[in-house]
Amino acid sequence: MSVLKRKRESEKAEKAARKREMRAMEKEFGKPKEPHSGEATREDLEAYGILPNADEDED
């Protein structure tokens, strides 16, 4: 039982370390994350095929 507990704890610690690394890489190289309002943008709707693409409207 204690072996499983140690395994879970080590996996949890590894996951946290990966998240820290990813955040550091995003902070160093990537653009900052934008807060999402929960509303789909026009670009999102076009990607899902709900709205026609703006490029197709010009034809």
PDB file of N, CA and C in Angstrom:
ATOM      1  N   MET A   1       0.824  -1.191   0.000  1.00  0.00           N
ATOM      2  CA  MET A   1       0.000   0.000   0.000  1.00  0.00           C
ATOM      3  C   MET A   1       0.870   1.259   0.000  1.00  0.00           C
ATOM      4  N   SER A   2       1.900   1.274   0.822  1.00  0.00           N
ATOM      5  CA  SER A   2       2.744   2.463   0.888  1.00  0.00           C
ATOM      6  C   SER A   2       3.539   2.648  -0.405  1.00  0.00           C
ATOM      7  N   VAL A   3       3.798   1.551  -1.121  1.00  0.00           N
ATOM      8  CA  VAL A   3       4.499   1.653  -2.396  1.00  0.00           C
ATOM      9  C   VAL A   3       3.637   2.424  -3.395  1.00  0.00           C
ATOM     10  N   LEU A   4       2.363   2.115  -3.423  1.00  0.00           N
ATOM     11  CA  LEU A   4       1.452   2.819  -4.326  1.00  0.00           C
ATOM     12  C   LEU A   4       1.344   4.295  -3.966  1.00  0.00           C
ATOM     13  N   LYS A   5       1.335   4.565  -2.675  1.00  0.00           N
ATOM     14  CA  LYS A   5       1.246   5.955  -2.225  1.00  0.00           C
ATOM     15  C   LYS A   5       2.489   6.732  -2.657  1.00  0.00           C
ATOM     16  N   ARG A   6       3.666   6.129  -2.477  1.00  0.00           N
ATOM     17  CA  ARG A   6       4.902   6.795  -2.898  1.00  0.00           C
ATOM     18  C   ARG A   6       4.915   7.009  -4.403  1.00  0.00           C
ATOM     19  N   LYS A   7       4.411   6.023  -5.142  1.00  0.00           N
ATOM     20  CA  LYS A   7       4.362   6.144  -6.596  1.00  0.00           C
ATOM     21  C   LYS A   7       3.451   7.299  -7.001  1.00  0.00           C
ATOM     22  N   ARG A   8       2.269   7.390  -6.379  1.00  0.00           N
ATOM     23  CA  ARG A   8       1.346   8.497  -6.669  1.00  0.00           C
ATOM     24  C   ARG A   8       1.983   9.835  -6.347  1.00  0.00           C
ATOM     25  N   GLU A   9       2.652   9.910  -5.205  1.00  0.00           N
ATOM     26  CA  GLU A   9       3.279  11.167  -4.806  1.00  0.00           C
ATOM     27  C   GLU A   9       4.384  11.566  -5.774  1.00  0.00           C
ATOM     28  N   SER A  10       5.183  10.591  -6.216  1.00  0.00           N
ATOM     29  CA  SER A  10       6.261  10.919  -7.147  1.00  0.00           C
ATOM     30  C   SER A  10       5.696  11.340  -8.503  1.00  0.00           C
ATOM     31  N   GLU A  11       4.627  10.690  -8.962  1.00  0.00           N
ATOM     32  CA  GLU A  11       3.994  11.082 -10.220  1.00  0.00           C
ATOM     33  C   GLU A  11       3.422  12.490 -10.123  1.00  0.00           C
ATOM     34  N   LYS A  12       2.833  12.805  -8.984  1.00  0.00           N
ATOM     35  CA  LYS A  12       2.272  14.140  -8.774  1.00  0.00           C
ATOM     36  C   LYS A  12       3.385  15.192  -8.795  1.00  0.00           C
ATOM     37  N   ALA A  13       4.510  14.877  -8.155  1.00  0.00           N
ATOM     38  CA  ALA A  13       5.640  15.804  -8.131  1.00  0.00           C
ATOM     39  C   ALA A  13       6.222  15.988  -9.532  1.00  0.00           C
ATOM     40  N   GLU A  14       6.303  14.907 -10.309  1.00  0.00           N
ATOM     41  CA  GLU A  14       6.813  15.003 -11.675  1.00  0.00           C
ATOM     42  C   GLU A  14       5.889  15.851 -12.545  1.00  0.00           C
ATOM     43  N   LYS A  15       4.591  15.684 -12.371  1.00  0.00           N
ATOM     44  CA  LYS A  15       3.622  16.464 -13.141  1.00  0.00           C
ATOM     45  C   LYS A  15       3.764  17.952 -12.816  1.00  0.00           C
ATOM     46  N   ALA A  16       3.919  18.258 -11.534  1.00  0.00           N
ATOM     47  CA  ALA A  16       4.085  19.655 -11.126  1.00  0.00           C
ATOM     48  C   ALA A  16       5.371  20.233 -11.712  1.00  0.00           C
ATOM     49  N   ALA A  17       6.434  19.433 -11.745  1.00  0.00           N
ATOM     50  CA  ALA A  17       7.698  19.900 -12.312  1.00  0.00           C
ATOM     51  C   ALA A  17       7.550  20.168 -13.810  1.00  0.00           C
ATOM     52  N   ARG A  18       6.827  19.293 -14.518  1.00  0.00           N
ATOM     53  CA  ARG A  18       6.593  19.507 -15.950  1.00  0.00           C
ATOM     54  C   ARG A  18       5.801  20.786 -16.187  1.00  0.00           C
ATOM     55  N   LYS A  19       4.791  21.030 -15.349  1.00  0.00           N
ATOM     56  CA  LYS A  19       3.993  22.252 -15.495  1.00  0.00           C
ATOM     57  C   LYS A  19       4.856  23.490 -15.268  1.00  0.00           C
ATOM     58  N   ARG A  20       5.737  23.430 -14.259  1.00  0.00           N
ATOM     59  CA  ARG A  20       6.626  24.565 -14.005  1.00  0.00           C
ATOM     60  C   ARG A  20       7.543  24.817 -15.197  1.00  0.00           C
ATOM     61  N   GLU A  21       8.081  23.741 -15.776  1.00  0.00           N
ATOM     62  CA  GLU A  21       8.947  23.878 -16.943  1.00  0.00           C
ATOM     63  C   GLU A  21       8.189  24.482 -18.119  1.00  0.00           C
ATOM     64  N   MET A  22       6.974  24.003 -18.344  1.00  0.00           N
ATOM     65  CA  MET A  22       6.186  24.516 -19.464  1.00  0.00           C
ATOM     66  C   MET A  22       5.858  25.994 -19.268  1.00  0.00           C
ATOM     67  N   ARG A  23       5.503  26.374 -18.052  1.00  0.00           N
ATOM     68  CA  ARG A  23       5.212  27.789 -17.780  1.00  0.00           C
ATOM     69  C   ARG A  23       6.448  28.644 -18.008  1.00  0.00           C
ATOM     70  N   ALA A  24       7.611  28.147 -17.580  1.00  0.00           N
ATOM     71  CA  ALA A  24       8.848  28.897 -17.766  1.00  0.00           C
ATOM     72  C   ALA A  24       9.168  29.045 -19.252  1.00  0.00           C
ATOM     73  N   MET A  25       8.968  27.974 -20.022  1.00  0.00           N
ATOM     74  CA  MET A  25       9.228  28.043 -21.462  1.00  0.00           C
ATOM     75  C   MET A  25       8.259  29.002 -22.137  1.00  0.00           C
ATOM     76  N   GLU A  26       6.981  28.949 -21.772  1.00  0.00           N
ATOM     77  CA  GLU A  26       5.997  29.859 -22.361  1.00  0.00           C
ATOM     78  C   GLU A  26       6.322  31.304 -22.013  1.00  0.00           C
ATOM     79  N   LYS A  27       6.761  31.512 -20.793  1.00  0.00           N
ATOM     80  CA  LYS A  27       7.093  32.866 -20.366  1.00  0.00           C
ATOM     81  C   LYS A  27       8.307  33.382 -21.129  1.00  0.00           C
ATOM     82  N   GLU A  28       9.271  32.494 -21.372  1.00  0.00           N
ATOM     83  CA  GLU A  28      10.498  32.898 -22.037  1.00  0.00           C
ATOM     84  C   GLU A  28      10.318  33.064 -23.542  1.00  0.00           C
ATOM     85  N   PHE A  29       9.621  32.127 -24.184  1.00  0.00           N
ATOM     86  CA  PHE A  29       9.550  32.109 -25.638  1.00  0.00           C
ATOM     87  C   PHE A  29       8.198  32.507 -26.209  1.00  0.00           C
ATOM     88  N   GLY A  30       7.150  32.156 -25.537  1.00  0.00           N
ATOM     89  CA  GLY A  30       5.818  32.327 -26.109  1.00  0.00           C
ATOM     90  C   GLY A  30       5.191  33.646 -25.737  1.00  0.00           C
ATOM     91  N   LYS A  31       4.033  33.840 -26.321  1.00  0.00           N
ATOM     92  CA  LYS A  31       3.267  35.031 -25.985  1.00  0.00           C
ATOM     93  C   LYS A  31       2.475  34.763 -24.708  1.00  0.00           C
ATOM     94  N   PRO A  32       2.163  35.789 -23.966  1.00  0.00           N
ATOM     95  CA  PRO A  32       1.388  35.577 -22.739  1.00  0.00           C
ATOM     96  C   PRO A  32      -0.011  35.076 -23.057  1.00  0.00           C
ATOM     97  N   LYS A  33      -0.516  34.263 -22.185  1.00  0.00           N
ATOM     98  CA  LYS A  33      -1.862  33.729 -22.384  1.00  0.00           C
ATOM     99  C   LYS A  33      -2.883  34.837 -22.169  1.00  0.00           C
ATOM    100  N   GLU A  34      -3.871  34.849 -23.045  1.00  0.00           N
ATOM    101  CA  GLU A  34      -4.939  35.831 -22.919  1.00  0.00           C
ATOM    102  C   GLU A  34      -6.057  35.237 -22.075  1.00  0.00           C
ATOM    103  N   PRO A  35      -6.637  36.026 -21.202  1.00  0.00           N
ATOM    104  CA  PRO A  35      -7.765  35.498 -20.431  1.00  0.00           C
ATOM    105  C   PRO A  35      -8.955  35.272 -21.355  1.00  0.00           C
ATOM    106  N   HIS A  36      -9.591  34.144 -21.206  1.00  0.00           N
ATOM    107  CA  HIS A  36     -10.727  33.810 -22.063  1.00  0.00           C
ATOM    108  C   HIS A  36     -12.024  34.223 -21.388  1.00  0.00           C
ATOM    109  N   SER A  37     -12.904  34.797 -22.195  1.00  0.00           N
ATOM    110  CA  SER A  37     -14.187  35.239 -21.661  1.00  0.00           C
ATOM    111  C   SER A  37     -15.227  34.131 -21.721  1.00  0.00           C
ATOM    112  N   GLY A  38     -14.889  33.039 -22.406  1.00  0.00           N
ATOM    113  CA  GLY A  38     -15.848  31.961 -22.556  1.00  0.00           C
ATOM    114  C   GLY A  38     -16.676  32.089 -23.816  1.00  0.00           C
ATOM    115  N   GLU A  39     -16.533  33.198 -24.522  1.00  0.00           N
ATOM    116  CA  GLU A  39     -17.254  33.406 -25.768  1.00  0.00           C
ATOM    117  C   GLU A  39     -16.348  33.058 -26.938  1.00  0.00           C
ATOM    118  N   ALA A  40     -16.922  32.421 -27.929  1.00  0.00           N
ATOM    119  CA  ALA A  40     -16.161  32.063 -29.123  1.00  0.00           C
ATOM    120  C   ALA A  40     -15.949  33.301 -29.985  1.00  0.00           C
ATOM    121  N   THR A  41     -14.759  33.425 -30.521  1.00  0.00           N
ATOM    122  CA  THR A  41     -14.471  34.522 -31.439  1.00  0.00           C
ATOM    123  C   THR A  41     -14.931  34.130 -32.832  1.00  0.00           C
ATOM    124  N   ARG A  42     -14.938  35.084 -33.723  1.00  0.00           N
ATOM    125  CA  ARG A  42     -15.317  34.797 -35.114  1.00  0.00           C
ATOM    126  C   ARG A  42     -14.379  33.744 -35.696  1.00  0.00           C
ATOM    127  N   GLU A  43     -13.108  33.860 -35.371  1.00  0.00           N
ATOM    128  CA  GLU A  43     -12.119  32.891 -35.855  1.00  0.00           C
ATOM    129  C   GLU A  43     -12.445  31.481 -35.356  1.00  0.00           C
ATOM    130  N   ASP A  44     -12.860  31.362 -34.105  1.00  0.00           N
ATOM    131  CA  ASP A  44     -13.243  30.058 -33.551  1.00  0.00           C
ATOM    132  C   ASP A  44     -14.434  29.480 -34.300  1.00  0.00           C
ATOM    133  N   LEU A  45     -15.443  30.314 -34.542  1.00  0.00           N
ATOM    134  CA  LEU A  45     -16.645  29.844 -35.232  1.00  0.00           C
ATOM    135  C   LEU A  45     -16.340  29.425 -36.669  1.00  0.00           C
ATOM    136  N   GLU A  46     -15.451  30.170 -37.327  1.00  0.00           N
ATOM    137  CA  GLU A  46     -15.059  29.794 -38.681  1.00  0.00           C
ATOM    138  C   GLU A  46     -14.312  28.470 -38.676  1.00  0.00           C
ATOM    139  N   ALA A  47     -13.478  28.250 -37.666  1.00  0.00           N
ATOM    140  CA  ALA A  47     -12.717  27.005 -37.571  1.00  0.00           C
ATOM    141  C   ALA A  47     -13.643  25.810 -37.382  1.00  0.00           C
ATOM    142  N   TYR A  48     -14.729  25.987 -36.667  1.00  0.00           N
ATOM    143  CA  TYR A  48     -15.688  24.903 -36.452  1.00  0.00           C
ATOM    144  C   TYR A  48     -16.665  24.749 -37.615  1.00  0.00           C
ATOM    145  N   GLY A  49     -16.623  25.678 -38.567  1.00  0.00           N
ATOM    146  CA  GLY A  49     -17.501  25.586 -39.730  1.00  0.00           C
ATOM    147  C   GLY A  49     -18.881  26.158 -39.494  1.00  0.00           C
ATOM    148  N   ILE A  50     -19.084  26.856 -38.397  1.00  0.00           N
ATOM    149  CA  ILE A  50     -20.390  27.445 -38.101  1.00  0.00           C
ATOM    150  C   ILE A  50     -20.619  28.678 -38.964  1.00  0.00           C
ATOM    151  N   LEU A  51     -19.582  29.484 -39.128  1.00  0.00           N
ATOM    152  CA  LEU A  51     -19.648  30.655 -39.995  1.00  0.00           C
ATOM    153  C   LEU A  51     -18.775  30.399 -41.216  1.00  0.00           C
ATOM    154  N   PRO A  52     -19.156  30.928 -42.369  1.00  0.00           N
ATOM    155  CA  PRO A  52     -18.283  30.776 -43.543  1.00  0.00           C
ATOM    156  C   PRO A  52     -17.004  31.588 -43.341  1.00  0.00           C
ATOM    157  N   ASN A  53     -15.922  31.107 -43.922  1.00  0.00           N
ATOM    158  CA  ASN A  53     -14.652  31.823 -43.818  1.00  0.00           C
ATOM    159  C   ASN A  53     -14.751  33.163 -44.521  1.00  0.00           C
ATOM    160  N   ALA A  54     -14.040  34.145 -44.022  1.00  0.00           N
ATOM    161  CA  ALA A  54     -14.036  35.468 -44.628  1.00  0.00           C
ATOM    162  C   ALA A  54     -13.419  35.404 -46.020  1.00  0.00           C
ATOM    163  N   ASP A  55     -12.459  34.504 -46.240  1.00  0.00           N
ATOM    164  CA  ASP A  55     -11.832  34.356 -47.548  1.00  0.00           C
ATOM    165  C   ASP A  55     -12.834  33.874 -48.586  1.00  0.00           C
ATOM    166  N   GLU A  56     -13.752  33.013 -48.198  1.00  0.00           N
ATOM    167  CA  GLU A  56     -14.743  32.476 -49.120  1.00  0.00           C
ATOM    168  C   GLU A  56     -15.782  33.530 -49.496  1.00  0.00           C
ATOM    169  N   ASP A  57     -16.030  34.500 -48.619  1.00  0.00           N
ATOM    170  CA  ASP A  57     -17.014  35.546 -48.896  1.00  0.00           C
ATOM    171  C   ASP A  57     -16.563  36.456 -50.035  1.00  0.00           C
ATOM    172  N   GLU A  58     -15.260  36.595 -50.221  1.00  0.00           N
ATOM    173  CA  GLU A  58     -14.736  37.509 -51.222  1.00  0.00           C
ATOM    174  C   GLU A  58     -14.901  36.980 -52.635  1.00  0.00           C
ATOM    175  N   ASP A  59     -15.127  35.703 -52.832  1.00  0.00           N
ATOM    176  CA  ASP A  59     -15.230  35.108 -54.174  1.00  0.00           C
ATOM    177  C   ASP A  59     -16.435  35.566 -54.902  1.00  0.00           C
TER     178      ASP A  59
END
